[in-house]
Amino acid sequence: MHSVSVLALDGVLAFDLSTPLEVFGSTRLPDRRVAYTVRDCAPHDEVDAGAFGLRTTNVLDASAGADTIIVLGRSHGADIR
């Protein structure tokens, strides 16, 4: 199965994070099996998304074996940690 990791950094836009998680996470094969294994990953367990914080389920190391890694944009003025 193809694996996808979505990398969230501080300053991530919630919409940008949720879109690939939803699209890849809901894609099904013709026989209705899940088409992708999808993970959200971040350098630490909580990401600053501006107005709120997001808790991630996987640290950055979880993306090591991914077939595809999606690196999301960040809002203007986001500090790099």
Protein backbone atom coordinates (compact mmCIF):
# COMPACT_ATOMS: atom_id res chain seq x y z
CA MET A 1 0.00 0.00 0.00
CA HIS A 2 1.25 3.47 -0.88
CA SER A 3 2.04 5.54 2.21
CA VAL A 4 1.68 9.32 2.45
CA SER A 5 3.05 11.54 5.20
CA VAL A 6 1.80 15.10 5.57
CA LEU A 7 4.36 17.33 7.28
CA ALA A 8 2.96 20.13 9.46
CA LEU A 9 5.25 22.88 10.71
CA ASP A 10 4.45 25.79 13.00
CA GLY A 11 2.38 28.33 11.09
CA VAL A 12 0.53 25.67 9.10
CA LEU A 13 -2.87 26.65 7.79
CA ALA A 14 -5.46 24.21 9.12
CA PHE A 15 -7.15 23.96 5.71
CA ASP A 16 -3.84 23.08 4.04
CA LEU A 17 -3.29 20.31 6.58
CA SER A 18 -6.80 18.90 6.47
CA THR A 19 -7.08 18.78 2.68
CA PRO A 20 -4.45 16.11 1.89
CA LEU A 21 -5.40 14.14 5.02
CA GLU A 22 -9.02 14.06 3.86
CA VAL A 23 -8.33 13.46 0.16
CA PHE A 24 -5.81 10.65 0.59
CA GLY A 25 -7.54 9.25 3.68
CA SER A 26 -10.91 8.87 1.94
CA THR A 27 -9.69 7.51 -1.39
CA ARG A 28 -10.82 3.93 -1.98
CA LEU A 29 -9.83 1.30 -4.52
CA PRO A 30 -12.51 -0.25 -6.77
CA ASP A 31 -12.98 -3.05 -4.23
CA ARG A 32 -13.55 -0.36 -1.49
CA ARG A 33 -10.24 -0.98 0.30
CA VAL A 34 -8.31 2.05 1.55
CA ALA A 35 -5.91 3.22 -1.17
CA TYR A 36 -3.34 4.98 1.03
CA THR A 37 -1.87 4.84 4.48
CA VAL A 38 -1.87 8.48 5.60
CA ARG A 39 0.00 10.06 8.53
CA ASP A 40 0.29 13.57 9.84
CA CYS A 41 3.83 14.30 11.04
CA ALA A 42 5.50 17.21 12.79
CA PRO A 43 8.84 17.97 14.44
CA HIS A 44 7.08 17.95 17.84
CA ASP A 45 3.71 16.79 19.17
CA GLU A 46 1.97 20.17 18.98
CA VAL A 47 1.93 22.55 16.04
CA ASP A 48 1.08 26.25 16.24
CA ALA A 49 -1.67 26.89 13.68
CA GLY A 50 -2.17 30.54 14.56
CA ALA A 51 -5.49 30.86 16.37
CA PHE A 52 -5.17 27.38 17.85
CA GLY A 53 -2.75 24.51 18.38
CA LEU A 54 -2.91 21.15 16.63
CA ARG A 55 -1.78 17.92 18.23
CA THR A 56 -0.13 15.53 15.83
CA THR A 57 -0.14 11.77 16.11
CA ASN A 58 3.33 11.15 14.66
CA VAL A 59 6.71 12.76 15.10
CA LEU A 60 8.89 13.56 12.12
CA ASP A 61 10.62 10.15 12.18
CA ALA A 62 7.32 8.51 11.20
CA SER A 63 7.71 9.91 7.68
CA ALA A 64 11.00 8.05 7.12
CA GLY A 65 9.44 5.14 5.20
CA ALA A 66 6.76 7.13 3.36
CA ASP A 67 6.40 6.76 -0.40
CA THR A 68 5.20 10.37 -0.66
CA ILE A 69 5.84 13.29 1.72
CA ILE A 70 3.69 16.40 1.38
CA VAL A 71 5.29 19.53 2.83
CA LEU A 72 2.68 22.16 3.60
CA GLY A 73 3.04 25.90 3.31
CA ARG A 74 3.00 28.17 6.33
CA SER A 75 1.34 31.48 7.07
CA HIS A 76 3.35 34.65 6.58
CA GLY A 77 5.35 35.64 9.61
CA ALA A 78 5.44 32.15 11.16
CA ASP A 79 8.50 31.61 13.35
CA ILE A 80 10.66 28.58 12.62
CA ARG A 81 11.34 26.45 15.66
